[in-house]
Amino acid sequence: MSETLLFSRDGVLVLIPLYNHGATVRRVAQGVLALGLPLVVVDDGSSDGGADALTGLDLTLLRHKENRGKGAAILTGLAHAAAQGMSHLLTIDADGQHDPADIEALLAVQVQDPGSIVVGKRDFTAAAVPGGSRFGRQFSNFWLQLQTGIRLGDVQSGFRCYPVAVLERLKLRQSRYAFEVEVLVKAAWGGVALRDAPISVYYPPGDERISHFDLWRDNLRLTLLNSHLTLRSLLPWPHRPLFKAEAEQPGVSILRPLRSLRLLLAEHSTPLQLALAAALGVLLGALPLIACHTIAILAACSFLRLNRVAAVAASQLCMPPIVPALCIEVGYFLRHGEFLTEISLRTLGYQFLERLWEYLLGSLLLAPLLALVVGGLVFLLAGALRRTAEESLG
């Protein structure tokens, strides 16, 4: 992110989205106010009169006439924060699951990186944590890593601190529980860092626990959202940054390796990271993944958090005819003890399935070797370029 976002405690507005948690919201609000932070509560069409429990507290109360969803409540709070000139919006749930005192843990991380989104990572070592919550967190964490390459400890946590400028720039479709997942993925795609902050968690006994999560409806929304985000993450064109880049850079090309490596190093990739990405691109590019090489490479890079551009560029070395032909020759030799010398309609057409089998056999041997060679060369070249750049600066 090129635009510098500043952080000040005076610029933090705390938001409590409220929907039928009248028994717990006052305690949460009092905990927030005890920290000396301004507070807004958005009553999202509650039917239990819960907002009446806030009478006498020094806070701002906004209301939705009908229930519109947690995401809609957060956006209403966002508009209020922007109108008040606040730089950050911190959300905490009204159900008493989170301790307001842990706000300090989130702010301690936020001050180190004001432009990031900080998410509270709940301590799940307590025995009272429901098994469904444990599984849900792991499941959501997996999808975020697949879609963005970022490992975050608690994607489902609603205890978060957002830069107002980030939320204002995001184009969001969800308005309920899926909103918080969509925010993280699209913010990460836009170049925003995602950070963890350790927090405690309290789960009341089952008969006292109130949840508005609809098992079927909300899970369906999350499934559809994750399917959409995953498919988008696999498409080859880049995501648009939320903030304008400092300067437009020339593209990466396999025909200009040194210039491309300098460009990739300038994007804060290390020589080892570039080498691993290039090796992965060649490894998958040499395999007979017909018509889906790029998709496989992008998915693997996203999950392993490797440089996609370097991997896809390196995979171009494996384009037909040279590498596939070498793989077929090696596979043919492994099967018959001799090389294929006849190139004809019979050997390449009628015997296509045999050649495909030999392509696979040969690639299993050649792909790791080529990946090792290309990865090693990239590591040496990138390392030399980085040392040259450091010496020129020093």
Protein backbone atom coordinates (compact mmCIF):
# COMPACT_ATOMS: atom_id res chain seq x y z
CA MET A 1 0.00 0.00 0.00
CA SER A 2 1.58 3.24 -1.10
CA GLU A 3 -0.76 5.67 0.65
CA THR A 4 0.41 6.24 4.22
CA LEU A 5 -2.29 5.73 6.84
CA LEU A 6 -1.67 7.20 10.29
CA PHE A 7 -2.82 5.84 13.63
CA SER A 8 -3.88 7.74 16.72
CA ARG A 9 -5.86 6.43 19.65
CA ASP A 10 -8.04 9.53 19.33
CA GLY A 11 -8.97 8.39 15.83
CA VAL A 12 -10.41 5.03 16.93
CA LEU A 13 -14.18 4.58 17.10
CA VAL A 14 -15.52 1.38 18.68
CA LEU A 15 -18.63 -0.18 17.14
CA ILE A 16 -20.96 -2.74 18.69
CA PRO A 17 -23.37 -4.28 16.14
CA LEU A 18 -26.45 -5.19 18.18
CA TYR A 19 -29.17 -7.68 17.36
CA ASN A 20 -31.20 -9.21 20.23
CA HIS A 21 -28.40 -9.28 22.80
CA GLY A 22 -30.09 -7.08 25.38
CA ALA A 23 -28.88 -9.20 28.29
CA THR A 24 -25.18 -8.67 27.54
CA VAL A 25 -24.73 -5.48 25.51
CA ARG A 26 -24.65 -3.06 28.47
CA ARG A 27 -21.76 -4.95 30.09
CA VAL A 28 -19.81 -4.87 26.83
CA ALA A 29 -20.51 -1.16 26.33
CA GLN A 30 -19.42 -0.32 29.86
CA GLY A 31 -16.17 -2.20 29.31
CA VAL A 32 -15.46 -0.20 26.16
CA LEU A 33 -16.28 3.15 27.78
CA ALA A 34 -14.00 2.30 30.72
CA LEU A 35 -11.09 2.46 28.25
CA GLY A 36 -11.97 6.06 27.36
CA LEU A 37 -12.82 5.28 23.74
CA PRO A 38 -15.81 6.73 21.82
CA LEU A 39 -18.52 4.17 21.19
CA VAL A 40 -21.32 3.74 18.67
CA VAL A 41 -23.93 0.99 18.89
CA VAL A 42 -25.89 0.08 15.78
CA ASP A 43 -29.15 -1.61 16.72
CA ASP A 44 -29.86 -3.79 13.70
CA GLY A 45 -33.62 -4.10 14.12
CA SER A 46 -33.59 -5.83 17.52
CA SER A 47 -36.93 -7.12 18.75
CA ASP A 48 -35.95 -7.70 22.38
CA GLY A 49 -35.68 -4.02 23.33
CA GLY A 50 -31.96 -4.56 23.97
CA ALA A 51 -31.00 -1.02 23.08
CA ASP A 52 -32.99 0.20 26.08
CA ALA A 53 -30.35 -1.42 28.29
CA LEU A 54 -27.90 1.27 27.14
CA THR A 55 -29.85 4.16 28.67
CA GLY A 56 -27.62 6.58 30.55
CA LEU A 57 -24.36 5.53 28.88
CA ASP A 58 -22.22 8.06 27.02
CA LEU A 59 -22.45 6.59 23.53
CA THR A 60 -24.08 7.11 20.14
CA LEU A 61 -27.01 4.84 19.28
CA LEU A 62 -27.99 4.31 15.65
CA ARG A 63 -30.95 2.16 14.62
CA HIS A 64 -32.08 0.09 11.66
CA LYS A 65 -35.85 -0.19 11.47
CA GLU A 66 -35.51 -3.83 10.43
CA ASN A 67 -32.80 -6.45 10.61
CA ARG A 68 -30.39 -5.95 7.70
CA GLY A 69 -27.45 -8.06 8.84
CA LYS A 70 -24.18 -7.61 10.69
CA GLY A 71 -22.37 -6.38 7.59
CA ALA A 72 -24.98 -3.67 7.07
CA ALA A 73 -24.60 -2.63 10.71
CA ILE A 74 -20.84 -2.34 10.29
CA LEU A 75 -21.26 -0.19 7.19
CA THR A 76 -23.64 2.10 9.07
CA GLY A 77 -21.00 2.43 11.78
CA LEU A 78 -18.40 3.07 9.09
CA ALA A 79 -20.39 5.98 7.68
CA HIS A 80 -20.65 7.47 11.17
CA ALA A 81 -16.91 7.00 11.78
CA ALA A 82 -16.07 8.74 8.48
CA ALA A 83 -18.41 11.60 9.28
CA GLN A 84 -16.68 12.05 12.64
CA GLY A 85 -13.25 12.10 10.98
CA MET A 86 -12.14 8.82 12.57
CA SER A 87 -9.26 6.87 11.04
CA HIS A 88 -10.09 3.41 12.43
CA LEU A 89 -13.23 1.45 13.26
CA LEU A 90 -12.95 -1.28 15.90
CA THR A 91 -15.78 -3.83 16.06
CA ILE A 92 -16.67 -5.96 19.07
CA ASP A 93 -19.65 -8.33 19.35
CA ALA A 94 -22.53 -7.60 21.72
CA ASP A 95 -22.88 -11.18 23.03
CA GLY A 96 -20.20 -10.90 25.72
CA GLN A 97 -17.91 -13.42 24.05
CA HIS A 98 -15.10 -10.86 23.89
CA ASP A 99 -13.49 -8.97 26.76
CA PRO A 100 -13.40 -5.23 25.97
CA ALA A 101 -10.08 -5.02 27.83
CA ASP A 102 -8.55 -6.95 24.90
CA ILE A 103 -9.08 -3.87 22.74
CA GLU A 104 -5.66 -2.79 23.98
CA ALA A 105 -4.12 -5.90 22.36
CA LEU A 106 -5.62 -4.99 18.99
CA LEU A 107 -4.50 -1.38 19.24
CA ALA A 108 -0.97 -2.47 20.14
CA VAL A 109 -0.75 -4.30 16.81
CA GLN A 110 -2.55 -1.55 14.89
CA VAL A 111 -0.10 1.13 15.95
CA GLN A 112 2.74 -0.93 14.43
CA ASP A 113 0.98 -1.15 11.06
CA PRO A 114 -1.80 1.48 10.80
CA GLY A 115 -2.82 0.40 7.29
CA SER A 116 -3.50 -3.21 8.22
CA ILE A 117 -6.66 -4.97 9.37
CA VAL A 118 -6.11 -6.44 12.83
CA VAL A 119 -8.17 -9.50 13.79
CA GLY A 120 -8.48 -10.83 17.31
CA LYS A 121 -7.29 -14.44 17.52
CA ARG A 122 -9.41 -16.16 20.14
CA ASP A 123 -7.75 -18.48 22.67
CA PHE A 124 -9.37 -21.83 21.93
CA THR A 125 -7.47 -23.79 24.59
CA ALA A 126 -10.42 -23.47 26.96
CA ALA A 127 -12.47 -26.64 27.33
CA ALA A 128 -15.80 -24.81 26.95
CA VAL A 129 -15.20 -23.88 23.29
CA PRO A 130 -17.77 -25.74 21.15
CA GLY A 131 -16.42 -28.27 18.67
CA GLY A 132 -18.34 -26.57 15.87
CA SER A 133 -16.51 -23.31 16.55
CA ARG A 134 -13.14 -25.04 16.44
CA PHE A 135 -13.94 -26.71 13.11
CA GLY A 136 -15.47 -23.54 11.65
CA ARG A 137 -12.36 -21.54 12.42
CA GLN A 138 -10.02 -24.09 10.83
CA PHE A 139 -12.28 -24.35 7.79
CA SER A 140 -12.44 -20.58 7.28
CA ASN A 141 -8.70 -20.21 7.84
CA PHE A 142 -8.06 -22.78 5.10
CA TRP A 143 -10.22 -20.96 2.55
CA LEU A 144 -8.58 -17.60 3.29
CA GLN A 145 -5.13 -19.12 2.77
CA LEU A 146 -6.21 -20.73 -0.50
CA GLN A 147 -7.76 -17.50 -1.81
CA THR A 148 -5.07 -15.06 -0.68
CA GLY A 149 -2.01 -17.03 0.39
CA ILE A 150 -2.25 -15.40 3.83
CA ARG A 151 -2.29 -17.41 7.04
CA LEU A 152 -4.55 -15.82 9.64
CA GLY A 153 -5.31 -17.40 12.97
CA ASP A 154 -9.04 -16.64 13.32
CA VAL A 155 -10.91 -15.59 10.18
CA GLN A 156 -14.30 -15.93 11.93
CA SER A 157 -13.50 -13.54 14.77
CA GLY A 158 -15.70 -10.43 14.81
CA PHE A 159 -13.30 -8.58 17.13
CA ARG A 160 -11.41 -6.45 14.60
CA CYS A 161 -9.86 -3.07 13.87
CA TYR A 162 -10.32 -1.69 10.35
CA PRO A 163 -8.75 1.38 8.75
CA VAL A 164 -11.74 3.47 7.66
CA ALA A 165 -10.04 4.26 4.34
CA VAL A 166 -9.76 0.55 3.55
CA LEU A 167 -13.43 -0.25 4.20
CA GLU A 168 -14.50 2.78 2.19
CA ARG A 169 -12.62 1.54 -0.89
CA LEU A 170 -13.82 -2.06 -0.85
CA LYS A 171 -16.61 -3.15 -3.19
CA LEU A 172 -18.63 -5.56 -1.06
CA ARG A 173 -21.70 -7.63 -1.87
CA GLN A 174 -22.42 -9.37 1.43
CA SER A 175 -24.42 -7.81 4.25
CA ARG A 176 -24.63 -10.60 6.85
CA TYR A 177 -22.17 -13.05 8.40
CA ALA A 178 -20.35 -13.62 5.11
CA PHE A 179 -19.49 -9.90 5.07
CA GLU A 180 -16.54 -10.36 7.43
CA VAL A 181 -15.01 -13.09 5.26
CA GLU A 182 -15.45 -11.03 2.10
CA VAL A 183 -13.78 -8.02 3.72
CA LEU A 184 -10.62 -9.95 4.60
CA VAL A 185 -10.22 -11.59 1.19
CA LYS A 186 -10.85 -8.48 -0.88
CA ALA A 187 -8.70 -6.31 1.38
CA ALA A 188 -5.83 -8.80 1.05
CA TRP A 189 -6.26 -8.80 -2.74
CA GLY A 190 -6.06 -5.01 -2.63
CA GLY A 191 -2.67 -5.09 -0.90
CA VAL A 192 -3.82 -4.62 2.70
CA ALA A 193 -1.93 -6.57 5.36
CA LEU A 194 -3.89 -8.83 7.75
CA ARG A 195 -2.60 -9.09 11.32
CA ASP A 196 -3.40 -11.22 14.38
CA ALA A 197 -3.79 -10.05 17.96
CA PRO A 198 -4.22 -12.57 20.80
CA ILE A 199 -7.49 -12.24 22.74
CA SER A 200 -9.43 -14.23 25.31
CA VAL A 201 -12.88 -15.70 24.68
CA TYR A 202 -15.85 -16.68 26.83
CA TYR A 203 -18.52 -19.17 25.79
CA PRO A 204 -21.46 -19.37 28.20
CA PRO A 205 -23.17 -22.70 28.90
CA GLY A 206 -25.22 -24.04 26.01
CA ASP A 207 -28.61 -23.05 27.46
CA GLU A 208 -27.43 -19.44 27.91
CA ARG A 209 -25.72 -19.07 24.54
CA ILE A 210 -27.53 -16.92 21.97
CA SER A 211 -26.48 -17.21 18.34
CA HIS A 212 -28.22 -15.79 15.29
CA PHE A 213 -26.19 -17.89 12.87
CA ASP A 214 -28.59 -19.86 10.67
CA LEU A 215 -27.02 -23.28 10.07
CA TRP A 216 -28.45 -23.71 6.57
CA ARG A 217 -28.97 -20.21 5.23
CA ASP A 218 -25.70 -18.67 6.44
CA ASN A 219 -23.66 -21.74 5.55
CA LEU A 220 -25.13 -21.59 2.04
CA ARG A 221 -24.14 -17.92 1.76
CA LEU A 222 -20.60 -18.73 2.93
CA THR A 223 -20.33 -21.65 0.52
CA LEU A 224 -21.42 -19.54 -2.44
CA LEU A 225 -19.09 -16.72 -1.40
CA ASN A 226 -16.08 -19.03 -0.98
CA SER A 227 -16.79 -20.63 -4.35
CA HIS A 228 -16.89 -17.22 -6.01
CA LEU A 229 -13.75 -15.95 -4.25
CA THR A 230 -11.80 -19.14 -4.97
CA LEU A 231 -12.65 -19.07 -8.67
CA ARG A 232 -11.65 -15.39 -8.85
CA SER A 233 -8.36 -16.10 -7.09
CA LEU A 234 -7.47 -18.63 -9.80
CA LEU A 235 -8.01 -16.25 -12.71
CA PRO A 236 -4.74 -15.05 -14.28
CA TRP A 237 -5.35 -11.29 -14.27
CA PRO A 238 -4.16 -9.33 -11.21
CA HIS A 239 -6.32 -7.79 -8.52
CA ARG A 240 -6.69 -4.03 -8.48
CA PRO A 241 -4.83 -2.40 -5.56
CA LEU A 242 -6.97 -0.35 -3.18
CA PHE A 243 -4.43 2.43 -3.15
CA LYS A 244 -2.62 3.90 -6.14
CA ALA A 245 0.82 2.42 -6.78
CA GLU A 246 3.84 4.69 -6.54
CA ALA A 247 4.74 4.23 -10.20
CA GLU A 248 3.81 1.93 -13.01
CA GLN A 249 6.50 -0.69 -13.57
CA PRO A 250 7.33 -2.61 -16.77
CA GLY A 251 6.03 -6.16 -16.94
CA VAL A 252 7.86 -9.38 -16.15
CA SER A 253 9.04 -11.36 -19.17
CA ILE A 254 10.97 -14.59 -19.48
CA LEU A 255 12.79 -12.96 -22.41
CA ARG A 256 14.33 -10.38 -20.06
CA PRO A 257 15.25 -12.39 -16.96
CA LEU A 258 17.59 -9.88 -15.30
CA ARG A 259 15.18 -6.96 -15.61
CA SER A 260 12.34 -9.18 -14.42
CA LEU A 261 14.30 -10.36 -11.39
CA ARG A 262 15.12 -6.76 -10.43
CA LEU A 263 11.43 -5.89 -10.66
CA LEU A 264 10.37 -8.88 -8.56
CA LEU A 265 13.05 -8.18 -5.95
CA ALA A 266 11.74 -4.62 -5.72
CA GLU A 267 8.38 -6.10 -4.68
CA HIS A 268 9.99 -7.35 -1.44
CA SER A 269 10.41 -10.95 -2.58
CA THR A 270 13.64 -12.57 -1.37
CA PRO A 271 15.93 -14.58 -3.69
CA LEU A 272 14.80 -17.77 -1.95
CA GLN A 273 11.12 -16.92 -2.40
CA LEU A 274 11.64 -16.19 -6.09
CA ALA A 275 13.62 -19.41 -6.50
CA LEU A 276 10.89 -21.46 -4.87
CA ALA A 277 8.22 -19.81 -7.02
CA ALA A 278 10.21 -20.41 -10.21
CA ALA A 279 10.87 -24.02 -9.23
CA LEU A 280 7.18 -24.58 -8.54
CA GLY A 281 6.24 -23.05 -11.89
CA VAL A 282 8.64 -25.31 -13.77
CA LEU A 283 7.65 -28.38 -11.73
CA LEU A 284 3.96 -27.98 -12.55
CA GLY A 285 4.63 -26.62 -16.04
CA ALA A 286 6.50 -29.79 -17.03
CA LEU A 287 3.65 -32.07 -15.98
CA PRO A 288 0.96 -33.01 -18.55
CA LEU A 289 -1.70 -30.83 -16.93
CA ILE A 290 -3.22 -30.11 -20.31
CA ALA A 291 -5.19 -26.82 -20.45
CA CYS A 292 -4.89 -26.20 -16.71
CA HIS A 293 -1.20 -25.49 -16.03
CA THR A 294 -1.80 -21.84 -15.14
CA ILE A 295 -4.76 -22.59 -12.88
CA ALA A 296 -2.76 -25.25 -11.00
CA ILE A 297 0.23 -22.90 -10.62
CA LEU A 298 -1.90 -19.99 -9.39
CA ALA A 299 -3.72 -22.21 -6.88
CA ALA A 300 -0.46 -23.67 -5.54
CA CYS A 301 1.19 -20.24 -5.30
CA SER A 302 -1.83 -18.82 -3.53
CA PHE A 303 -1.84 -21.61 -0.95
CA LEU A 304 1.95 -21.54 -0.42
CA ARG A 305 2.10 -17.72 -0.60
CA LEU A 306 4.69 -17.67 -3.36
CA ASN A 307 5.11 -15.05 -6.06
CA ARG A 308 2.56 -15.89 -8.76
CA VAL A 309 4.19 -13.77 -11.45
CA ALA A 310 7.56 -15.49 -11.01
CA ALA A 311 5.98 -18.94 -11.06
CA VAL A 312 3.86 -18.36 -14.17
CA ALA A 313 6.78 -16.69 -15.98
CA ALA A 314 9.10 -19.61 -15.20
CA SER A 315 6.49 -22.11 -16.34
CA GLN A 316 6.74 -20.63 -19.86
CA LEU A 317 10.05 -22.47 -20.19
CA CYS A 318 8.00 -25.66 -20.34
CA MET A 319 5.81 -24.62 -23.26
CA PRO A 320 5.72 -27.00 -26.26
CA PRO A 321 7.53 -28.36 -28.05
CA ILE A 322 10.89 -28.76 -26.28
CA VAL A 323 10.05 -29.86 -22.72
CA PRO A 324 7.01 -32.02 -23.64
CA ALA A 325 9.10 -33.67 -26.38
CA LEU A 326 11.92 -34.38 -23.93
CA CYS A 327 9.44 -35.86 -21.44
CA ILE A 328 7.95 -38.11 -24.12
CA GLU A 329 11.40 -39.27 -25.20
CA VAL A 330 12.40 -40.07 -21.62
CA GLY A 331 9.11 -41.87 -21.01
CA TYR A 332 9.47 -43.82 -24.26
CA PHE A 333 12.98 -44.84 -23.24
CA LEU A 334 11.77 -46.00 -19.84
CA ARG A 335 9.14 -48.18 -21.53
CA HIS A 336 11.10 -49.56 -24.48
CA GLY A 337 14.79 -49.08 -23.73
CA GLU A 338 15.25 -46.88 -26.81
CA PHE A 339 14.30 -43.39 -27.97
CA LEU A 340 11.37 -42.57 -30.23
CA THR A 341 12.77 -41.70 -33.65
CA GLU A 342 9.66 -41.93 -35.83
CA ILE A 343 7.53 -38.79 -35.86
CA SER A 344 4.41 -39.51 -37.88
CA LEU A 345 0.62 -39.53 -37.82
CA ARG A 346 0.77 -43.04 -36.44
CA THR A 347 3.09 -42.29 -33.52
CA LEU A 348 1.62 -38.91 -32.61
CA GLY A 349 -1.99 -39.41 -33.69
CA TYR A 350 -3.19 -42.98 -33.46
CA GLN A 351 -0.87 -43.70 -30.53
CA PHE A 352 -1.72 -40.45 -28.72
CA LEU A 353 -2.70 -42.18 -25.46
CA GLU A 354 0.62 -44.02 -25.39
CA ARG A 355 2.50 -40.77 -25.93
CA LEU A 356 0.45 -39.15 -23.15
CA TRP A 357 1.40 -41.98 -20.79
CA GLU A 358 5.07 -41.56 -21.75
CA TYR A 359 4.72 -37.79 -21.29
CA LEU A 360 3.59 -38.43 -17.71
CA LEU A 361 6.35 -40.98 -17.00
CA GLY A 362 9.05 -38.72 -18.41
CA SER A 363 7.77 -35.63 -16.62
CA LEU A 364 7.89 -37.40 -13.26
CA LEU A 365 11.63 -37.72 -13.77
CA LEU A 366 12.41 -34.49 -15.63
CA ALA A 367 10.09 -32.06 -13.78
CA PRO A 368 11.94 -32.24 -10.42
CA LEU A 369 15.33 -32.00 -12.17
CA LEU A 370 14.31 -28.99 -14.26
CA ALA A 371 12.72 -27.34 -11.22
CA LEU A 372 15.93 -27.82 -9.24
CA VAL A 373 18.08 -26.36 -12.03
CA VAL A 374 15.83 -23.35 -12.73
CA GLY A 375 15.25 -22.67 -9.03
CA GLY A 376 18.99 -22.79 -8.39
CA LEU A 377 19.76 -20.41 -11.26
CA VAL A 378 17.08 -17.96 -10.12
CA PHE A 379 18.42 -18.06 -6.57
CA LEU A 380 21.99 -17.34 -7.72
CA LEU A 381 21.00 -14.57 -10.14
CA ALA A 382 18.57 -12.91 -7.72
CA GLY A 383 21.14 -13.11 -4.94
CA ALA A 384 23.79 -11.50 -7.13
CA LEU A 385 21.42 -8.73 -8.20
CA ARG A 386 20.43 -8.02 -4.61
CA ARG A 387 24.06 -7.83 -3.48
CA THR A 388 24.87 -5.48 -6.38
CA ALA A 389 21.94 -3.24 -5.46
CA GLU A 390 22.94 -3.17 -1.79
CA GLU A 391 26.56 -2.34 -2.64
CA SER A 392 25.47 0.52 -4.91
CA LEU A 393 23.32 1.95 -2.12
CA GLY A 394 26.02 1.45 0.49
